[in-house]
Structures are given as structure tokens and as C-alpha cells.
Protein backbone atom coordinates (compact mmCIF):
# COMPACT_ATOMS: atom_id res chain seq x y z
CA MET A 1 0.00 0.00 0.00
CA GLN A 2 2.79 2.42 0.93
CA GLN A 3 4.59 1.79 -2.36
CA ASN A 4 1.32 2.33 -4.19
CA ILE A 5 0.95 5.77 -2.61
CA GLN A 6 4.48 6.78 -3.57
CA THR A 7 3.89 5.59 -7.13
CA LEU A 8 0.66 7.56 -7.33
CA ILE A 9 2.31 10.68 -5.89
CA ALA A 10 4.95 10.55 -8.63
CA GLN A 11 2.26 9.93 -11.24
CA TYR A 12 0.06 12.80 -10.04
CA GLN A 13 3.03 15.16 -9.96
CA GLN A 14 4.00 14.22 -13.51
CA GLU A 15 0.44 14.80 -14.68
CA GLY A 16 0.32 18.17 -12.97
CA LYS A 17 -2.58 17.27 -10.67
CA ARG A 18 -3.44 19.02 -7.41
CA PHE A 19 -3.65 16.71 -4.40
CA ALA A 20 -2.69 16.33 -0.76
CA VAL A 21 -0.99 13.68 1.34
CA ALA A 22 -2.37 13.21 4.86
CA THR A 23 -0.18 11.55 7.50
CA VAL A 24 -1.08 10.49 11.03
CA VAL A 25 1.80 11.93 13.06
CA ASP A 26 0.55 10.87 16.50
CA HIS A 27 -2.32 8.97 18.07
CA TRP A 28 -3.78 8.20 21.50
CA GLY A 29 -6.15 5.50 22.65
CA SER A 30 -8.24 3.33 20.37
CA VAL A 31 -7.86 4.42 16.75
CA SER A 32 -7.88 2.37 13.56
CA ALA A 33 -5.11 4.31 11.78
CA LYS A 34 -1.82 4.47 13.69
CA SER A 35 1.05 6.93 13.53
CA GLY A 36 2.64 6.81 10.08
CA SER A 37 -0.57 5.93 8.26
CA LYS A 38 -0.94 7.88 5.03
CA ALA A 39 -3.58 8.68 2.43
CA LEU A 40 -3.45 10.43 -0.92
CA ILE A 41 -6.46 12.74 -1.31
CA ASP A 42 -7.43 14.37 -4.61
CA GLU A 43 -8.56 17.99 -4.99
CA ASN A 44 -12.21 16.92 -4.74
CA GLY A 45 -11.69 15.41 -1.28
CA HIS A 46 -11.66 11.75 -2.27
CA ILE A 47 -9.13 9.26 -0.90
CA VAL A 48 -7.36 7.76 -3.91
CA SER A 49 -5.06 5.46 -1.99
CA GLY A 50 -4.00 4.74 1.57
CA TRP A 51 -5.73 4.71 4.94
CA ILE A 52 -6.31 7.49 7.43
CA GLY A 53 -8.95 5.83 9.62
CA GLY A 54 -12.65 5.13 9.47
CA GLY A 55 -15.57 7.46 8.83
CA CYS A 56 -14.98 9.69 11.85
CA ALA A 57 -11.40 10.53 10.86
CA GLU A 58 -11.77 10.23 7.10
CA SER A 59 -14.44 12.89 6.69
CA GLU A 60 -12.55 15.51 8.70
CA THR A 61 -9.22 14.73 7.03
CA CYS A 62 -10.68 14.97 3.52
CA TYR A 63 -12.26 18.31 4.41
CA GLN A 64 -8.97 19.62 5.77
CA ALA A 65 -7.14 18.34 2.67
CA VAL A 66 -9.41 20.28 0.31
CA GLU A 67 -8.91 23.43 2.40
CA ALA A 68 -5.13 22.93 2.36
CA ILE A 69 -5.13 22.53 -1.42
CA THR A 70 -7.27 25.64 -1.85
CA GLU A 71 -5.09 27.74 0.45
CA GLN A 72 -1.88 26.05 -0.74
CA LYS A 73 -0.70 25.70 2.86
CA THR A 74 0.13 22.73 5.07
CA ARG A 75 -2.15 21.94 8.01
CA VAL A 76 -1.79 20.15 11.32
CA PHE A 77 -4.94 19.36 13.27
CA ASP A 78 -6.26 17.09 16.00
CA ILE A 79 -9.21 14.75 15.67
CA ASP A 80 -10.90 13.82 18.95
CA LEU A 81 -12.47 10.43 18.27
CA ASP A 82 -13.81 10.27 21.81
CA ASP A 83 -16.26 13.02 20.87
CA GLU A 84 -19.57 12.45 19.14
CA MET A 85 -18.52 13.48 15.65
CA LEU A 86 -20.76 14.17 12.68
CA GLY A 87 -23.89 13.60 14.74
CA VAL A 88 -23.58 9.83 14.66
CA GLY A 89 -24.46 9.64 18.35
CA MET A 90 -21.57 7.42 19.36
CA PRO A 91 -17.90 8.09 20.09
CA CYS A 92 -15.24 6.42 17.95
CA GLY A 93 -12.64 6.39 20.73
CA GLY A 94 -9.11 7.79 20.96
CA ALA A 95 -7.54 10.79 19.25
CA MET A 96 -5.06 11.50 16.49
CA LYS A 97 -2.94 14.32 15.11
CA VAL A 98 -2.86 14.61 11.31
CA PHE A 99 -0.48 16.52 9.03
CA VAL A 100 -1.76 17.45 5.56
CA ASP A 101 0.72 18.48 2.87
CA PRO A 102 -0.82 19.90 -0.34
CA PHE A 103 0.92 19.37 -3.66
CA ILE A 104 0.28 22.17 -6.15
CA PRO A 105 1.77 21.89 -9.65
CA GLN A 106 4.23 24.58 -10.59
CA PRO A 107 2.37 27.15 -12.72
CA ARG A 108 3.45 27.32 -16.34
CA LEU A 109 4.42 30.51 -18.12
CA TRP A 110 4.13 30.24 -21.92
CA LEU A 111 6.28 32.76 -23.80
CA ILE A 112 5.49 33.14 -27.50
CA GLY A 113 8.08 35.04 -29.51
CA HIS A 114 11.72 36.00 -29.16
CA GLY A 115 13.99 38.93 -28.39
CA ARG A 116 15.26 40.67 -25.29
CA VAL A 117 11.80 41.10 -23.76
CA VAL A 118 11.13 37.36 -23.96
CA GLN A 119 14.60 36.51 -22.65
CA THR A 120 14.04 38.77 -19.64
CA LEU A 121 10.55 37.35 -19.08
CA CYS A 122 12.07 33.87 -19.10
CA SER A 123 14.55 34.81 -16.37
CA LEU A 124 11.96 36.63 -14.28
CA GLY A 125 9.40 33.85 -14.68
CA HIS A 126 11.92 31.26 -13.54
CA MET A 127 12.80 33.37 -10.48
CA MET A 128 9.09 33.68 -9.65
CA GLY A 129 8.66 29.91 -9.56
CA PHE A 130 7.08 29.35 -12.97
CA GLU A 131 7.80 26.48 -15.31
CA VAL A 132 8.78 28.44 -18.41
CA MET A 133 7.74 27.22 -21.87
CA ILE A 134 9.19 28.91 -24.96
CA ASP A 135 7.33 28.59 -28.27
CA ASP A 136 9.23 30.20 -31.13
CA PRO A 137 10.70 28.90 -34.43
CA ILE A 138 14.19 30.24 -33.71
CA ALA A 139 14.33 29.35 -30.00
CA GLU A 140 17.68 27.96 -28.79
CA HIS A 141 18.67 26.77 -25.34
CA LYS A 142 21.55 29.22 -25.13
CA ASP A 143 19.10 32.12 -25.26
CA TYR A 144 16.74 30.67 -22.63
CA PRO A 145 18.82 28.66 -20.13
CA GLU A 146 16.08 28.82 -17.46
CA ALA A 147 13.32 27.46 -19.71
CA SER A 148 12.12 23.91 -19.03
CA THR A 149 10.75 23.41 -22.54
CA LEU A 150 11.65 24.84 -25.93
CA ILE A 151 9.25 24.40 -28.86
CA ASN A 152 10.68 25.46 -32.21
CA ASP A 153 8.68 23.31 -34.63
CA ASP A 154 5.23 24.75 -34.02
CA ILE A 155 4.42 26.87 -37.06
CA ASP A 156 0.65 26.69 -36.55
CA TYR A 157 0.83 26.91 -32.71
CA ALA A 158 -0.76 23.48 -32.33
CA GLN A 159 1.62 22.74 -29.44
CA LEU A 160 0.49 25.83 -27.55
CA THR A 161 -1.79 24.04 -25.09
CA PRO A 162 -2.09 26.05 -21.86
CA THR A 163 -4.57 25.13 -19.14
CA GLY A 164 -6.73 27.45 -17.08
CA ASP A 165 -3.97 27.70 -14.47
CA ASP A 166 -1.32 28.75 -17.01
CA TYR A 167 -0.17 32.21 -18.05
CA VAL A 168 0.54 33.11 -21.68
CA ILE A 169 2.56 36.10 -22.86
CA ILE A 170 2.68 36.80 -26.57
CA ALA A 171 5.56 38.96 -27.84
CA THR A 172 5.91 37.95 -31.49
CA GLN A 173 6.37 41.53 -32.70
CA HIS A 174 3.10 41.30 -34.65
CA LYS A 175 4.04 38.06 -36.45
CA GLY A 176 1.27 35.54 -35.87
CA ASP A 177 0.13 37.16 -32.62
CA HIS A 178 -3.54 36.91 -33.61
CA LEU A 179 -3.19 33.21 -34.44
CA SER A 180 -1.26 32.30 -31.28
CA MET A 181 -3.77 34.27 -29.21
CA LYS A 182 -6.68 32.42 -30.83
CA GLN A 183 -5.01 29.07 -30.10
CA ALA A 184 -4.29 30.04 -26.47
CA ILE A 185 -7.92 31.07 -25.93
CA GLU A 186 -9.29 27.90 -27.50
CA SER A 187 -6.93 25.83 -25.33
CA GLY A 188 -8.47 27.35 -22.21
CA ALA A 189 -5.71 29.66 -20.96
CA GLY A 190 -6.80 31.64 -17.92
CA TYR A 191 -4.60 34.66 -18.66
CA ILE A 192 -3.11 36.02 -21.88
CA ALA A 193 -0.94 39.11 -22.20
CA LEU A 194 -0.25 40.58 -25.64
CA ILE A 195 2.74 42.89 -25.82
CA ALA A 196 1.85 45.17 -28.71
CA SER A 197 1.04 48.74 -29.64
CA GLN A 198 -2.48 50.01 -29.02
CA LYS A 199 -3.15 50.00 -32.77
CA ARG A 200 -2.01 46.38 -33.15
CA ALA A 201 -3.87 45.31 -30.01
CA LYS A 202 -7.08 46.75 -31.44
CA LEU A 203 -6.62 44.83 -34.70
CA VAL A 204 -6.01 41.56 -32.84
CA LEU A 205 -9.08 42.03 -30.66
CA GLU A 206 -11.18 42.76 -33.76
CA PHE A 207 -9.90 39.53 -35.31
CA LEU A 208 -10.82 37.56 -32.20
CA ASP A 209 -14.26 39.15 -32.20
CA GLN A 210 -14.77 38.01 -35.80
CA GLU A 211 -13.73 34.54 -34.73
CA ALA A 212 -16.52 34.61 -32.12
CA LEU A 213 -14.03 34.52 -29.22
CA SER A 214 -15.03 37.82 -27.63
CA GLY A 215 -17.18 36.07 -25.01
CA CYS A 216 -14.41 33.82 -23.67
CA ASP A 217 -13.58 33.59 -19.96
CA THR A 218 -9.88 34.23 -20.55
CA LEU A 219 -8.41 37.33 -18.91
CA ILE A 220 -6.82 39.24 -21.79
CA SER A 221 -4.36 42.05 -21.10
CA THR A 222 -3.33 44.24 -24.02
CA PRO A 223 -1.35 46.40 -24.21
CA ALA A 224 0.09 44.32 -21.41
CA GLY A 225 1.78 45.30 -18.18
CA LEU A 226 1.48 47.66 -15.24
CA ASP A 227 2.07 51.36 -15.82
CA ILE A 228 5.61 51.92 -14.61
CA ALA A 229 6.55 54.14 -17.59
CA ALA A 230 8.70 51.32 -18.98
CA HIS A 231 11.02 52.10 -21.91
CA SER A 232 13.72 49.44 -22.18
CA PRO A 233 13.00 45.79 -23.03
CA GLU A 234 13.93 44.83 -19.48
CA GLU A 235 11.53 47.40 -18.02
CA ILE A 236 8.74 46.24 -20.32
CA ALA A 237 9.33 42.64 -19.22
CA LEU A 238 9.27 43.74 -15.58
CA SER A 239 5.95 45.56 -16.01
CA VAL A 240 4.33 42.53 -17.66
CA MET A 241 5.73 40.06 -15.12
CA ALA A 242 4.52 42.31 -12.30
CA GLU A 243 1.03 42.10 -13.79
CA VAL A 244 1.29 38.30 -13.95
CA VAL A 245 2.27 38.13 -10.26
CA MET A 246 -0.51 40.59 -9.37
CA THR A 247 -3.06 38.44 -11.21
CA ARG A 248 -1.78 35.23 -9.68
CA ARG A 249 -1.73 36.55 -6.11
CA GLY A 250 -4.84 38.72 -6.31
CA GLY A 251 -3.03 42.01 -5.79
CA SER A 252 -4.28 45.48 -6.66
CA GLY A 253 -1.27 46.82 -8.54
CA GLY A 254 -1.30 50.01 -6.45
CA MET A 255 1.52 51.44 -4.40
CA ILE A 256 1.84 50.03 -0.89
CA HIS A 257 2.79 53.46 0.52
CA HIS A 258 1.43 56.60 -1.10
CA LYS A 259 2.78 59.32 1.17
CA LYS A 260 6.06 60.89 0.13
CA LEU A 261 8.09 61.68 3.25
CA SER A 262 10.88 64.17 3.67
CA PHE A 263 14.25 63.03 4.99
CA GLU A 264 13.38 64.30 8.47
CA GLU A 265 9.96 62.56 8.44
CA THR A 266 11.48 59.30 7.24
CA SER A 267 14.18 59.45 9.94
CA GLU A 268 11.56 60.15 12.61
CA ALA A 269 9.38 57.27 11.41
CA LEU A 270 12.35 54.88 11.58
CA ASP A 271 13.21 56.08 15.09
CA ASN A 272 9.63 55.51 16.22
CA ALA A 273 9.65 52.02 14.73
CA ALA A 274 12.92 51.24 16.52
CA ARG A 275 11.51 52.43 19.84
CA ARG A 276 8.41 50.27 19.40
CA ALA A 277 10.63 47.28 18.70
CA ASP A 278 12.73 47.96 21.83
CA ASN A 279 9.61 48.19 23.97
CA ASN A 280 8.15 45.06 22.44
CA PRO A 281 11.01 42.54 22.03
CA ALA A 282 8.60 39.60 21.67
CA GLY A 283 7.05 41.16 18.60
CA ASP A 284 3.55 41.32 20.12
CA GLU A 285 1.34 44.23 19.13
């Protein structure tokens, strides 16, 4: 059974599935699953393999697993099986401590095109924890050392197959941008950024409207990026990558601090912060 779980974990990771592994890390009294017992739980809260206990423990653990996957955070919780759980009117006996570890596939960043902007996006995407996919006829590994996949035989963009959790950035310098964007939308991409001029962006959107794709659920950003007054290719890449991170994390894109302080005000604010830290060494507010 244990080997089966490990095999399934490797399989689920390869397939890019979201799941969680629950482990009994301690137990007291009469329980059916002992310390070390494991179960693989899918994103819908179903035990695929393993054993975490009977109905009393299983229901709570599956619930906690789904929450952990949703929040993308580990969880440790106690289950009191001496209590009357789930309204069954009878105690199960004992107690157990369970650790749930969610496995979330690394998000993929599809970069369509070439040039300095794409090279910078590749580096930034890799640093931000994305699996970077390059789709361009002249792509070479020396230009994109951080990319996990290079596709250079995809003239009709048939290999551009993002999922709803993927991010697509198109920077083809107007060559085939409308076709790659159409393919990305039809593949179900959740987010597409088109780096283009306002005039070109308007033409692409008109093309997509004619193709009856205007009602799609895909978040389309064009001209792409946050307004940081970018000029250089590196700055443009930074503005677009910042928008990707904002979209992924649910940020607002606004400044964290809006007040511009003088040197004296900044120095005074730092002194006040230092005094608060001295008076509160434990870090409690």
C-alpha cells in the first residue's frame, strides 16, 4: 500500500494534478489508523489510496485536505475520536494528530516570440517559480537557459496548449500574434498578455471578435503590463511580469505606501519604529 501511494504521488506530480498527502503523526487511545498511516487525497476530497482511519477521521481529514489545497498551505490538526462526531451519536474512541501536505503543480508561463523582452521574461518567470515554456521557431537553449521546454517546430501553434492555471505572454512583434492568441484562448488559458502597440492590439481584438471569441472567460491584457513608464526591453518585461504576479496573487497593482516623506519625516518614522521594537522585544502588538 505504501509503495502504491508513492507511485501515485509521482504519477500525479507528472500529470500536474493538485492533491494532498495526509499523514497520522501521532495517536492516542483506540484508533484504527496508527502513527505513520498515510492517504493520498485528490482535490475533490476523495481518498485515492491509503488509509487514514474510518468514517470519523476520514471525513474531517478529507475536508482539511481540500482546504489545504485551496489555500496552498500545510495543516496540522487534531481529531478527537472520543467526541460524538458528525452527529452519529456514538464516540469512535481515541484521538489522532494529522499533518496534511498539499501538492500544487508549478504554474506554467508560456512565452510566445523572441527577443530581449522574452529573454528577460524567461529569467523573471523562472525566479518567480514558474515552469517556463518557450514557443518560437528560432528558439535555442543558449538564449533561454532557465526554460524547461523549448518548442521550435510549431508553425501553426498546435503545441500551444495552456490550461486554465497557465499564463501566456505573446511577444511575437506582430508576427502571428492573432493566431497564437486564438489558439491560447481555444486551449483554455486563464490569462493572456499581448505585448503590442495600441493599434495592433485593437486589430487583434477585432480579429478575435470576428472569430466569435469575444465572449471567452480568458483574462486578456493588451497592451500588457502595469504602468511603470517602462522604456527598455527589461523594463517592459518587468511591467508585464509584475502584472502576472498581481493576477496570480490577487493584488491590486497600487503602491503600498502613497505618502512621500521628507528626509526628516522618514528618519523620525524609523526612530519611532525602533523604539516600538525595543519596547516590544517579543514582537507582540
